[in-house]
Amino acid sequence: MATRLRCLPFSSLEPGMVLGAALRVPEQGVISFLLPAGHELTESNLSQMAVRHAEYACIEAVDSRTDEVRDMEWAASEKRQQEIFQLADLQQPVLAGLYDAVLRWKKS
């Protein structure tokens, strides 16, 4: 079963959802709450997140798109990213790293 990452606001989170990326909730610049990627959210987790004013979380969701639709959306996304970075000098390691990181994130 294919999955994809979805960033959801705190109000949309429910017990049983699985984190697709580590959850870090900072307070005054210090991480006060941390859950690892792959963690299944519980009522207790959601209560702790509410107390700490968590705003969103990245969760794994079932990807019901067909391979064809997924490939079409990926191609459109990649084309748009190329347009955004068209004036960037991708020979610079920092910009090339950013470009690659955004591309990997979009593919997930």
C-alpha atoms as a PDB file:
ATOM      1  CA  MET A   1       0.000   0.000   0.000  1.00  0.00           C
ATOM      2  CA  ALA A   2       1.454   3.345  -1.052  1.00  0.00           C
ATOM      3  CA  THR A   3       1.636   6.198   1.416  1.00  0.00           C
ATOM      4  CA  ARG A   4       2.417   9.879   1.175  1.00  0.00           C
ATOM      5  CA  LEU A   5       3.350  12.550   3.666  1.00  0.00           C
ATOM      6  CA  ARG A   6       0.678  15.054   4.628  1.00  0.00           C
ATOM      7  CA  CYS A   7       1.217  18.081   6.836  1.00  0.00           C
ATOM      8  CA  LEU A   8      -1.953  18.526   8.860  1.00  0.00           C
ATOM      9  CA  PRO A   9      -2.976  21.219  11.324  1.00  0.00           C
ATOM     10  CA  PHE A  10      -3.227  20.121  14.930  1.00  0.00           C
ATOM     11  CA  SER A  11      -7.045  20.294  14.795  1.00  0.00           C
ATOM     12  CA  SER A  12      -7.069  17.539  12.124  1.00  0.00           C
ATOM     13  CA  LEU A  13      -4.864  15.066  13.994  1.00  0.00           C
ATOM     14  CA  GLU A  14      -6.444  11.920  15.418  1.00  0.00           C
ATOM     15  CA  PRO A  15      -5.267   8.987  17.531  1.00  0.00           C
ATOM     16  CA  GLY A  16      -3.899   6.209  15.365  1.00  0.00           C
ATOM     17  CA  MET A  17      -2.302   8.479  12.766  1.00  0.00           C
ATOM     18  CA  VAL A  18       1.364   7.681  12.119  1.00  0.00           C
ATOM     19  CA  LEU A  19       3.995  10.408  12.019  1.00  0.00           C
ATOM     20  CA  GLY A  20       5.771  10.609   8.692  1.00  0.00           C
ATOM     21  CA  ALA A  21       8.502  12.843  10.120  1.00  0.00           C
ATOM     22  CA  ALA A  22       9.773  13.512  13.600  1.00  0.00           C
ATOM     23  CA  LEU A  23       7.584  15.920  15.567  1.00  0.00           C
ATOM     24  CA  ARG A  24       9.428  18.654  17.456  1.00  0.00           C
ATOM     25  CA  VAL A  25       7.524  21.220  19.493  1.00  0.00           C
ATOM     26  CA  PRO A  26       9.746  24.085  20.688  1.00  0.00           C
ATOM     27  CA  GLU A  27       9.091  26.402  23.601  1.00  0.00           C
ATOM     28  CA  GLN A  28      11.236  29.516  23.804  1.00  0.00           C
ATOM     29  CA  GLY A  29      13.732  28.039  21.376  1.00  0.00           C
ATOM     30  CA  VAL A  30      14.102  24.727  23.231  1.00  0.00           C
ATOM     31  CA  ILE A  31      12.463  21.510  22.064  1.00  0.00           C
ATOM     32  CA  SER A  32       9.992  20.624  24.803  1.00  0.00           C
ATOM     33  CA  PHE A  33       8.256  17.701  23.107  1.00  0.00           C
ATOM     34  CA  LEU A  34       9.647  15.186  20.627  1.00  0.00           C
ATOM     35  CA  LEU A  35       8.178  12.143  18.904  1.00  0.00           C
ATOM     36  CA  PRO A  36      10.026  10.059  16.268  1.00  0.00           C
ATOM     37  CA  ALA A  37       8.920   9.401  12.703  1.00  0.00           C
ATOM     38  CA  GLY A  38       6.791   6.252  12.578  1.00  0.00           C
ATOM     39  CA  HIS A  39       5.209   6.914  15.984  1.00  0.00           C
ATOM     40  CA  GLU A  40       1.464   6.210  16.189  1.00  0.00           C
ATOM     41  CA  LEU A  41      -0.326   9.132  17.853  1.00  0.00           C
ATOM     42  CA  THR A  42      -2.299   8.468  21.032  1.00  0.00           C
ATOM     43  CA  GLU A  43      -4.817  10.529  22.997  1.00  0.00           C
ATOM     44  CA  SER A  44      -2.059  11.249  25.500  1.00  0.00           C
ATOM     45  CA  ASN A  45       0.254  12.509  22.731  1.00  0.00           C
ATOM     46  CA  LEU A  46      -2.481  14.804  21.414  1.00  0.00           C
ATOM     47  CA  SER A  47      -3.135  16.172  24.910  1.00  0.00           C
ATOM     48  CA  GLN A  48       0.564  16.863  25.400  1.00  0.00           C
ATOM     49  CA  MET A  49       0.745  18.538  22.000  1.00  0.00           C
ATOM     50  CA  ALA A  50      -2.256  20.737  22.837  1.00  0.00           C
ATOM     51  CA  VAL A  51      -0.693  21.881  26.110  1.00  0.00           C
ATOM     52  CA  ARG A  52       2.475  22.819  24.200  1.00  0.00           C
ATOM     53  CA  HIS A  53       0.529  24.596  21.424  1.00  0.00           C
ATOM     54  CA  ALA A  54       1.627  22.326  18.586  1.00  0.00           C
ATOM     55  CA  GLU A  55       0.490  23.746  15.265  1.00  0.00           C
ATOM     56  CA  TYR A  56       0.841  20.860  12.812  1.00  0.00           C
ATOM     57  CA  ALA A  57       2.375  17.435  12.224  1.00  0.00           C
ATOM     58  CA  CYS A  58       3.573  15.501   9.205  1.00  0.00           C
ATOM     59  CA  ILE A  59       1.718  12.213   9.011  1.00  0.00           C
ATOM     60  CA  GLU A  60       1.743   9.200   6.693  1.00  0.00           C
ATOM     61  CA  ALA A  61      -1.490   8.849   4.764  1.00  0.00           C
ATOM     62  CA  VAL A  62      -2.714   6.207   2.344  1.00  0.00           C
ATOM     63  CA  ASP A  63      -2.043   7.363  -1.208  1.00  0.00           C
ATOM     64  CA  SER A  64      -5.054   6.327  -3.239  1.00  0.00           C
ATOM     65  CA  ARG A  65      -3.791   7.921  -6.458  1.00  0.00           C
ATOM     66  CA  THR A  66      -3.012   5.669  -9.392  1.00  0.00           C
ATOM     67  CA  ASP A  67       0.578   5.378 -10.572  1.00  0.00           C
ATOM     68  CA  GLU A  68      -0.355   7.365 -13.673  1.00  0.00           C
ATOM     69  CA  VAL A  69      -1.846  10.239 -11.677  1.00  0.00           C
ATOM     70  CA  ARG A  70       1.078  10.198  -9.242  1.00  0.00           C
ATOM     71  CA  ASP A  71       3.572  10.371 -12.134  1.00  0.00           C
ATOM     72  CA  MET A  72       1.662  13.222 -13.805  1.00  0.00           C
ATOM     73  CA  GLU A  73       1.543  15.216 -10.570  1.00  0.00           C
ATOM     74  CA  TRP A  74       5.236  14.548  -9.953  1.00  0.00           C
ATOM     75  CA  ALA A  75       6.157  15.758 -13.467  1.00  0.00           C
ATOM     76  CA  ALA A  76       4.102  18.945 -13.006  1.00  0.00           C
ATOM     77  CA  SER A  77       5.689  19.536  -9.606  1.00  0.00           C
ATOM     78  CA  GLU A  78       9.188  18.990 -10.959  1.00  0.00           C
ATOM     79  CA  LYS A  79       8.519  21.389 -13.847  1.00  0.00           C
ATOM     80  CA  ARG A  80       7.266  24.038 -11.414  1.00  0.00           C
ATOM     81  CA  GLN A  81      10.351  23.609  -9.238  1.00  0.00           C
ATOM     82  CA  GLN A  82      12.592  24.071 -12.271  1.00  0.00           C
ATOM     83  CA  GLU A  83      10.740  27.314 -13.049  1.00  0.00           C
ATOM     84  CA  ILE A  84      11.208  28.554  -9.480  1.00  0.00           C
ATOM     85  CA  PHE A  85      14.933  27.748  -9.507  1.00  0.00           C
ATOM     86  CA  GLN A  86      15.571  28.861 -13.090  1.00  0.00           C
ATOM     87  CA  LEU A  87      17.719  31.844 -12.047  1.00  0.00           C
ATOM     88  CA  ALA A  88      19.521  29.984  -9.267  1.00  0.00           C
ATOM     89  CA  ASP A  89      23.124  28.947  -9.789  1.00  0.00           C
ATOM     90  CA  LEU A  90      22.827  25.240  -9.019  1.00  0.00           C
ATOM     91  CA  GLN A  91      26.622  24.929  -9.243  1.00  0.00           C
ATOM     92  CA  GLN A  92      26.685  26.448  -5.751  1.00  0.00           C
ATOM     93  CA  PRO A  93      26.567  23.566  -3.262  1.00  0.00           C
ATOM     94  CA  VAL A  94      24.085  25.250  -0.904  1.00  0.00           C
ATOM     95  CA  LEU A  95      21.563  25.983  -3.671  1.00  0.00           C
ATOM     96  CA  ALA A  96      22.045  22.554  -5.230  1.00  0.00           C
ATOM     97  CA  GLY A  97      21.443  20.980  -1.816  1.00  0.00           C
ATOM     98  CA  LEU A  98      18.271  23.019  -1.338  1.00  0.00           C
ATOM     99  CA  TYR A  99      17.031  22.085  -4.810  1.00  0.00           C
ATOM    100  CA  ASP A 100      17.650  18.378  -4.157  1.00  0.00           C
ATOM    101  CA  ALA A 101      16.070  18.514  -0.691  1.00  0.00           C
ATOM    102  CA  VAL A 102      12.897  20.160  -2.026  1.00  0.00           C
ATOM    103  CA  LEU A 103      12.727  17.629  -4.855  1.00  0.00           C
ATOM    104  CA  ARG A 104      13.079  14.679  -2.437  1.00  0.00           C
ATOM    105  CA  TRP A 105      10.468  16.159  -0.085  1.00  0.00           C
ATOM    106  CA  LYS A 106       7.977  16.626  -2.929  1.00  0.00           C
ATOM    107  CA  LYS A 107       8.521  13.061  -4.115  1.00  0.00           C
ATOM    108  CA  SER A 108       7.616  11.628  -0.705  1.00  0.00           C
END
